[in-house]
Structures are given as structure tokens and as C-alpha cells.
Amino acid sequence: RTMNLSHCVITSVDRDDLDDLGVSAWTET
């Protein structure tokens, strides 16, 4: 919002250590 972006790109590291492999953080983001 601060950057006033009309388009954004989001990626992540692999999180094989997590039970859901990080998907909860993805969906919340």
C-alpha cells in the first residue's frame, strides 16, 4: 500500500520443516 503498487510479485523459500509446508502463511499473505 505504501509503495502504491498496481501489481505485486510474491515468492517464498521452501519450508519443508513445516507441517503444511508454509501454505498457511501463503494464504494469509
PDB file of all heavy atoms in Angstrom:
ATOM      1  N   ARG A   1       0.838  -1.210   0.000  1.00  0.00           N
ATOM      2  CA  ARG A   1       0.000   0.000   0.000  1.00  0.00           C
ATOM      3  C   ARG A   1       0.867   1.253   0.000  1.00  0.00           C
ATOM      4  O   ARG A   1       0.607   2.206  -0.755  1.00  0.00           O
ATOM      5  CB  ARG A   1      -0.921   0.001   1.228  1.00  0.00           C
ATOM      6  CG  ARG A   1      -1.924   1.158   1.235  1.00  0.00           C
ATOM      7  CD  ARG A   1      -2.524   1.380   2.611  1.00  0.00           C
ATOM      8  NE  ARG A   1      -1.511   1.818   3.560  1.00  0.00           N
ATOM      9  CZ  ARG A   1      -1.058   3.066   3.621  1.00  0.00           C
ATOM     10  NH1 ARG A   1      -1.523   4.003   2.805  1.00  0.00           N
ATOM     11  NH2 ARG A   1      -0.137   3.388   4.504  1.00  0.00           N
ATOM     12  N   THR A   2       1.901   1.275   0.829  1.00  0.00           N
ATOM     13  CA  THR A   2       2.786   2.435   0.910  1.00  0.00           C
ATOM     14  C   THR A   2       3.480   2.702  -0.412  1.00  0.00           C
ATOM     15  O   THR A   2       3.659   3.850  -0.821  1.00  0.00           O
ATOM     16  CB  THR A   2       3.837   2.219   2.012  1.00  0.00           C
ATOM     17  OG1 THR A   2       3.175   2.018   3.268  1.00  0.00           O
ATOM     18  CG2 THR A   2       4.778   3.419   2.119  1.00  0.00           C
ATOM     19  N   MET A   3       3.854   1.632  -1.112  1.00  0.00           N
ATOM     20  CA  MET A   3       4.517   1.769  -2.403  1.00  0.00           C
ATOM     21  C   MET A   3       3.527   2.097  -3.522  1.00  0.00           C
ATOM     22  O   MET A   3       3.941   2.406  -4.643  1.00  0.00           O
ATOM     23  CB  MET A   3       5.256   0.476  -2.748  1.00  0.00           C
ATOM     24  CG  MET A   3       6.446   0.195  -1.852  1.00  0.00           C
ATOM     25  SD  MET A   3       7.127  -1.481  -2.102  1.00  0.00           S
ATOM     26  CE  MET A   3       7.773  -1.308  -3.779  1.00  0.00           C
ATOM     27  N   ASN A   4       2.229   2.005  -3.210  1.00  0.00           N
ATOM     28  CA  ASN A   4       1.174   2.302  -4.184  1.00  0.00           C
ATOM     29  C   ASN A   4       1.321   1.428  -5.432  1.00  0.00           C
ATOM     30  O   ASN A   4       1.217   1.912  -6.570  1.00  0.00           O
ATOM     31  CB  ASN A   4       1.186   3.784  -4.566  1.00  0.00           C
ATOM     32  CG  ASN A   4      -0.082   4.202  -5.298  1.00  0.00           C
ATOM     33  OD1 ASN A   4      -1.155   3.634  -5.091  1.00  0.00           O
ATOM     34  ND2 ASN A   4       0.046   5.185  -6.184  1.00  0.00           N
ATOM     35  N   LEU A   5       1.546   0.129  -5.229  1.00  0.00           N
ATOM     36  CA  LEU A   5       1.780  -0.785  -6.344  1.00  0.00           C
ATOM     37  C   LEU A   5       0.462  -1.174  -7.011  1.00  0.00           C
ATOM     38  O   LEU A   5      -0.503  -1.531  -6.343  1.00  0.00           O
ATOM     39  CB  LEU A   5       2.474  -2.052  -5.855  1.00  0.00           C
ATOM     40  CG  LEU A   5       3.887  -1.896  -5.282  1.00  0.00           C
ATOM     41  CD1 LEU A   5       4.442  -3.263  -4.902  1.00  0.00           C
ATOM     42  CD2 LEU A   5       4.819  -1.225  -6.283  1.00  0.00           C
ATOM     43  N   SER A   6       0.452  -1.135  -8.325  1.00  0.00           N
ATOM     44  CA  SER A   6      -0.693  -1.644  -9.069  1.00  0.00           C
ATOM     45  C   SER A   6      -0.575  -3.148  -9.302  1.00  0.00           C
ATOM     46  O   SER A   6      -1.562  -3.813  -9.628  1.00  0.00           O
ATOM     47  CB  SER A   6      -0.819  -0.918 -10.412  1.00  0.00           C
ATOM     48  OG  SER A   6       0.363  -1.094 -11.181  1.00  0.00           O
ATOM     49  N   HIS A   7       0.631  -3.684  -9.141  1.00  0.00           N
ATOM     50  CA  HIS A   7       0.893  -5.108  -9.344  1.00  0.00           C
ATOM     51  C   HIS A   7       2.021  -5.508  -8.407  1.00  0.00           C
ATOM     52  O   HIS A   7       2.976  -4.750  -8.216  1.00  0.00           O
ATOM     53  CB  HIS A   7       1.295  -5.366 -10.794  1.00  0.00           C
ATOM     54  CG  HIS A   7       1.539  -6.814 -11.126  1.00  0.00           C
ATOM     55  ND1 HIS A   7       0.521  -7.701 -11.390  1.00  0.00           N
ATOM     56  CD2 HIS A   7       2.699  -7.523 -11.237  1.00  0.00           C
ATOM     57  CE1 HIS A   7       1.030  -8.890 -11.661  1.00  0.00           C
ATOM     58  NE2 HIS A   7       2.345  -8.816 -11.575  1.00  0.00           N
ATOM     59  N   CYS A   8       1.925  -6.680  -7.805  1.00  0.00           N
ATOM     60  CA  CYS A   8       2.990  -7.125  -6.907  1.00  0.00           C
ATOM     61  C   CYS A   8       3.352  -8.576  -7.221  1.00  0.00           C
ATOM     62  O   CYS A   8       2.558  -9.331  -7.779  1.00  0.00           O
ATOM     63  CB  CYS A   8       2.578  -6.995  -5.446  1.00  0.00           C
ATOM     64  SG  CYS A   8       1.210  -8.077  -4.940  1.00  0.00           S
ATOM     65  N   VAL A   9       4.573  -8.940  -6.884  1.00  0.00           N
ATOM     66  CA  VAL A   9       5.051 -10.312  -7.033  1.00  0.00           C
ATOM     67  C   VAL A   9       5.504 -10.802  -5.670  1.00  0.00           C
ATOM     68  O   VAL A   9       6.259 -10.121  -4.967  1.00  0.00           O
ATOM     69  CB  VAL A   9       6.218 -10.413  -8.037  1.00  0.00           C
ATOM     70  CG1 VAL A   9       6.649 -11.872  -8.204  1.00  0.00           C
ATOM     71  CG2 VAL A   9       5.842  -9.815  -9.383  1.00  0.00           C
ATOM     72  N   ILE A  10       5.034 -11.992  -5.298  1.00  0.00           N
ATOM     73  CA  ILE A  10       5.363 -12.578  -4.000  1.00  0.00           C
ATOM     74  C   ILE A  10       5.889 -13.989  -4.228  1.00  0.00           C
ATOM     75  O   ILE A  10       5.302 -14.759  -4.997  1.00  0.00           O
ATOM     76  CB  ILE A  10       4.131 -12.628  -3.077  1.00  0.00           C
ATOM     77  CG1 ILE A  10       3.537 -11.226  -2.900  1.00  0.00           C
ATOM     78  CG2 ILE A  10       4.489 -13.220  -1.716  1.00  0.00           C
ATOM     79  CD1 ILE A  10       2.179 -11.220  -2.235  1.00  0.00           C
ATOM     80  N   THR A  11       6.979 -14.312  -3.568  1.00  0.00           N
ATOM     81  CA  THR A  11       7.514 -15.667  -3.616  1.00  0.00           C
ATOM     82  C   THR A  11       7.867 -16.098  -2.200  1.00  0.00           C
ATOM     83  O   THR A  11       7.576 -15.385  -1.233  1.00  0.00           O
ATOM     84  CB  THR A  11       8.732 -15.745  -4.563  1.00  0.00           C
ATOM     85  OG1 THR A  11       9.103 -17.115  -4.741  1.00  0.00           O
ATOM     86  CG2 THR A  11       9.928 -14.978  -4.008  1.00  0.00           C
ATOM     87  N   SER A  12       8.472 -17.263  -2.054  1.00  0.00           N
ATOM     88  CA  SER A  12       8.875 -17.715  -0.726  1.00  0.00           C
ATOM     89  C   SER A  12      10.026 -18.697  -0.837  1.00  0.00           C
ATOM     90  O   SER A  12      10.290 -19.264  -1.904  1.00  0.00           O
ATOM     91  CB  SER A  12       7.703 -18.395   0.010  1.00  0.00           C
ATOM     92  OG  SER A  12       7.523 -19.736  -0.439  1.00  0.00           O
ATOM     93  N   VAL A  13      10.688 -18.889   0.286  1.00  0.00           N
ATOM     94  CA  VAL A  13      11.616 -20.009   0.405  1.00  0.00           C
ATOM     95  C   VAL A  13      10.803 -21.293   0.541  1.00  0.00           C
ATOM     96  O   VAL A  13       9.596 -21.258   0.796  1.00  0.00           O
ATOM     97  CB  VAL A  13      12.527 -19.829   1.644  1.00  0.00           C
ATOM     98  CG1 VAL A  13      13.476 -18.669   1.450  1.00  0.00           C
ATOM     99  CG2 VAL A  13      11.682 -19.632   2.913  1.00  0.00           C
ATOM    100  N   ASP A  14      11.454 -22.438   0.350  1.00  0.00           N
ATOM    101  CA  ASP A  14      10.805 -23.720   0.649  1.00  0.00           C
ATOM    102  C   ASP A  14      10.828 -23.937   2.149  1.00  0.00           C
ATOM    103  O   ASP A  14      11.847 -23.691   2.813  1.00  0.00           O
ATOM    104  CB  ASP A  14      11.551 -24.865  -0.049  1.00  0.00           C
ATOM    105  CG  ASP A  14      11.223 -24.968  -1.520  1.00  0.00           C
ATOM    106  OD1 ASP A  14      10.137 -25.474  -1.849  1.00  0.00           O
ATOM    107  OD2 ASP A  14      12.048 -24.531  -2.350  1.00  0.00           O
ATOM    108  N   ARG A  15       9.706 -24.403   2.690  1.00  0.00           N
ATOM    109  CA  ARG A  15       9.606 -24.660   4.129  1.00  0.00           C
ATOM    110  C   ARG A  15       9.181 -26.102   4.367  1.00  0.00           C
ATOM    111  O   ARG A  15       8.099 -26.399   4.862  1.00  0.00           O
ATOM    112  CB  ARG A  15       8.626 -23.679   4.774  1.00  0.00           C
ATOM    113  CG  ARG A  15       9.109 -22.239   4.784  1.00  0.00           C
ATOM    114  CD  ARG A  15      10.429 -22.035   5.548  1.00  0.00           C
ATOM    115  NE  ARG A  15      10.349 -22.480   6.921  1.00  0.00           N
ATOM    116  CZ  ARG A  15      10.188 -21.648   7.967  1.00  0.00           C
ATOM    117  NH1 ARG A  15      10.099 -20.336   7.757  1.00  0.00           N
ATOM    118  NH2 ARG A  15      10.136 -22.130   9.189  1.00  0.00           N
ATOM    119  N   ASP A  16      10.070 -27.031   4.014  1.00  0.00           N
ATOM    120  CA  ASP A  16       9.799 -28.447   4.225  1.00  0.00           C
ATOM    121  C   ASP A  16       9.780 -28.820   5.700  1.00  0.00           C
ATOM    122  O   ASP A  16       9.414 -29.948   6.050  1.00  0.00           O
ATOM    123  CB  ASP A  16      10.859 -29.290   3.494  1.00  0.00           C
ATOM    124  CG  ASP A  16      10.806 -29.111   1.983  1.00  0.00           C
ATOM    125  OD1 ASP A  16       9.698 -29.175   1.421  1.00  0.00           O
ATOM    126  OD2 ASP A  16      11.864 -28.892   1.366  1.00  0.00           O
ATOM    127  N   ASP A  17      10.163 -27.878   6.563  1.00  0.00           N
ATOM    128  CA  ASP A  17      10.169 -28.131   8.001  1.00  0.00           C
ATOM    129  C   ASP A  17       8.794 -27.972   8.626  1.00  0.00           C
ATOM    130  O   ASP A  17       8.578 -28.417   9.761  1.00  0.00           O
ATOM    131  CB  ASP A  17      11.148 -27.183   8.685  1.00  0.00           C
ATOM    132  CG  ASP A  17      10.784 -25.708   8.467  1.00  0.00           C
ATOM    133  OD1 ASP A  17      10.510 -25.337   7.295  1.00  0.00           O
ATOM    134  OD2 ASP A  17      10.788 -24.931   9.437  1.00  0.00           O
ATOM    135  N   LEU A  18       7.861 -27.351   7.926  1.00  0.00           N
ATOM    136  CA  LEU A  18       6.539 -27.079   8.486  1.00  0.00           C
ATOM    137  C   LEU A  18       5.541 -28.154   8.083  1.00  0.00           C
ATOM    138  O   LEU A  18       5.612 -28.698   6.980  1.00  0.00           O
ATOM    139  CB  LEU A  18       6.042 -25.715   8.001  1.00  0.00           C
ATOM    140  CG  LEU A  18       6.923 -24.509   8.351  1.00  0.00           C
ATOM    141  CD1 LEU A  18       6.367 -23.247   7.703  1.00  0.00           C
ATOM    142  CD2 LEU A  18       7.027 -24.347   9.872  1.00  0.00           C
ATOM    143  N   ASP A  19       4.594 -28.429   8.974  1.00  0.00           N
ATOM    144  CA  ASP A  19       3.604 -29.479   8.692  1.00  0.00           C
ATOM    145  C   ASP A  19       2.821 -29.188   7.419  1.00  0.00           C
ATOM    146  O   ASP A  19       2.495 -30.103   6.650  1.00  0.00           O
ATOM    147  CB  ASP A  19       2.637 -29.620   9.878  1.00  0.00           C
ATOM    148  CG  ASP A  19       3.311 -30.231  11.098  1.00  0.00           C
ATOM    149  OD1 ASP A  19       4.378 -30.874  10.936  1.00  0.00           O
ATOM    150  OD2 ASP A  19       2.781 -30.070  12.211  1.00  0.00           O
ATOM    151  N   ASP A  20       2.483 -27.909   7.193  1.00  0.00           N
ATOM    152  CA  ASP A  20       1.716 -27.559   5.990  1.00  0.00           C
ATOM    153  C   ASP A  20       2.604 -26.970   4.904  1.00  0.00           C
ATOM    154  O   ASP A  20       2.105 -26.399   3.931  1.00  0.00           O
ATOM    155  CB  ASP A  20       0.578 -26.604   6.322  1.00  0.00           C
ATOM    156  CG  ASP A  20       1.078 -25.207   6.695  1.00  0.00           C
ATOM    157  OD1 ASP A  20       2.304 -25.013   6.850  1.00  0.00           O
ATOM    158  OD2 ASP A  20       0.240 -24.296   6.815  1.00  0.00           O
ATOM    159  N   LEU A  21       3.933 -27.111   5.080  1.00  0.00           N
ATOM    160  CA  LEU A  21       4.926 -26.669   4.099  1.00  0.00           C
ATOM    161  C   LEU A  21       4.846 -25.165   3.820  1.00  0.00           C
ATOM    162  O   LEU A  21       5.368 -24.684   2.816  1.00  0.00           O
ATOM    163  CB  LEU A  21       4.792 -27.451   2.784  1.00  0.00           C
ATOM    164  CG  LEU A  21       4.798 -28.989   2.923  1.00  0.00           C
ATOM    165  CD1 LEU A  21       4.689 -29.642   1.545  1.00  0.00           C
ATOM    166  CD2 LEU A  21       6.053 -29.460   3.654  1.00  0.00           C
ATOM    167  N   GLY A  22       4.205 -24.430   4.727  1.00  0.00           N
ATOM    168  CA  GLY A  22       4.140 -22.972   4.617  1.00  0.00           C
ATOM    169  C   GLY A  22       2.901 -22.430   3.943  1.00  0.00           C
ATOM    170  O   GLY A  22       2.765 -21.214   3.782  1.00  0.00           O
ATOM    171  N   VAL A  23       1.945 -23.289   3.584  1.00  0.00           N
ATOM    172  CA  VAL A  23       0.801 -22.797   2.812  1.00  0.00           C
ATOM    173  C   VAL A  23      -0.102 -21.868   3.632  1.00  0.00           C
ATOM    174  O   VAL A  23      -0.726 -20.955   3.083  1.00  0.00           O
ATOM    175  CB  VAL A  23      -0.011 -23.972   2.217  1.00  0.00           C
ATOM    176  CG1 VAL A  23      -0.866 -24.648   3.278  1.00  0.00           C
ATOM    177  CG2 VAL A  23      -0.868 -23.501   1.053  1.00  0.00           C
ATOM    178  N   SER A  24      -0.167 -22.041   4.947  1.00  0.00           N
ATOM    179  CA  SER A  24      -1.000 -21.141   5.767  1.00  0.00           C
ATOM    180  C   SER A  24      -0.474 -19.716   5.709  1.00  0.00           C
ATOM    181  O   SER A  24      -1.252 -18.755   5.643  1.00  0.00           O
ATOM    182  CB  SER A  24      -1.046 -21.631   7.218  1.00  0.00           C
ATOM    183  OG  SER A  24      -1.708 -22.877   7.309  1.00  0.00           O
ATOM    184  N   ALA A  25       0.835 -19.574   5.744  1.00  0.00           N
ATOM    185  CA  ALA A  25       1.427 -18.235   5.622  1.00  0.00           C
ATOM    186  C   ALA A  25       1.145 -17.656   4.242  1.00  0.00           C
ATOM    187  O   ALA A  25       0.882 -16.452   4.096  1.00  0.00           O
ATOM    188  CB  ALA A  25       2.929 -18.302   5.882  1.00  0.00           C
ATOM    189  N   TRP A  26       1.183 -18.503   3.228  1.00  0.00           N
ATOM    190  CA  TRP A  26       0.872 -18.061   1.874  1.00  0.00           C
ATOM    191  C   TRP A  26      -0.562 -17.542   1.778  1.00  0.00           C
ATOM    192  O   TRP A  26      -0.811 -16.458   1.249  1.00  0.00           O
ATOM    193  CB  TRP A  26       1.071 -19.213   0.885  1.00  0.00           C
ATOM    194  CG  TRP A  26       2.381 -19.240   0.202  1.00  0.00           C
ATOM    195  CD1 TRP A  26       3.434 -20.091   0.437  1.00  0.00           C
ATOM    196  CD2 TRP A  26       2.806 -18.392  -0.868  1.00  0.00           C
ATOM    197  NE1 TRP A  26       4.474 -19.816  -0.417  1.00  0.00           N
ATOM    198  CE2 TRP A  26       4.113 -18.776  -1.225  1.00  0.00           C
ATOM    199  CE3 TRP A  26       2.206 -17.342  -1.552  1.00  0.00           C
ATOM    200  CZ2 TRP A  26       4.834 -18.146  -2.249  1.00  0.00           C
ATOM    201  CZ3 TRP A  26       2.909 -16.701  -2.566  1.00  0.00           C
ATOM    202  CH2 TRP A  26       4.210 -17.104  -2.895  1.00  0.00           C
ATOM    203  N   THR A  27      -1.516 -18.322   2.254  1.00  0.00           N
ATOM    204  CA  THR A  27      -2.913 -17.923   2.115  1.00  0.00           C
ATOM    205  C   THR A  27      -3.223 -16.671   2.933  1.00  0.00           C
ATOM    206  O   THR A  27      -3.975 -15.802   2.484  1.00  0.00           O
ATOM    207  CB  THR A  27      -3.864 -19.059   2.514  1.00  0.00           C
ATOM    208  OG1 THR A  27      -3.552 -19.506   3.843  1.00  0.00           O
ATOM    209  CG2 THR A  27      -3.731 -20.231   1.553  1.00  0.00           C
ATOM    210  N   GLU A  28      -2.631 -16.561   4.111  1.00  0.00           N
ATOM    211  CA  GLU A  28      -2.859 -15.361   4.916  1.00  0.00           C
ATOM    212  C   GLU A  28      -2.247 -14.131   4.245  1.00  0.00           C
ATOM    213  O   GLU A  28      -2.832 -13.040   4.277  1.00  0.00           O
ATOM    214  CB  GLU A  28      -2.281 -15.540   6.323  1.00  0.00           C
ATOM    215  CG  GLU A  28      -2.486 -14.353   7.252  1.00  0.00           C
ATOM    216  CD  GLU A  28      -3.950 -14.014   7.501  1.00  0.00           C
ATOM    217  OE1 GLU A  28      -4.838 -14.870   7.242  1.00  0.00           O
ATOM    218  OE2 GLU A  28      -4.219 -12.883   7.959  1.00  0.00           O
ATOM    219  N   THR A  29      -1.098 -14.307   3.623  1.00  0.00           N
ATOM    220  CA  THR A  29      -0.469 -13.194   2.911  1.00  0.00           C
ATOM    221  C   THR A  29      -1.351 -12.717   1.765  1.00  0.00           C
ATOM    222  O   THR A  29      -1.585 -11.511   1.589  1.00  0.00           O
ATOM    223  CB  THR A  29       0.909 -13.609   2.373  1.00  0.00           C
ATOM    224  OG1 THR A  29       1.765 -13.939   3.479  1.00  0.00           O
ATOM    225  CG2 THR A  29       1.542 -12.496   1.559  1.00  0.00           C
TER     226      THR A  29
END
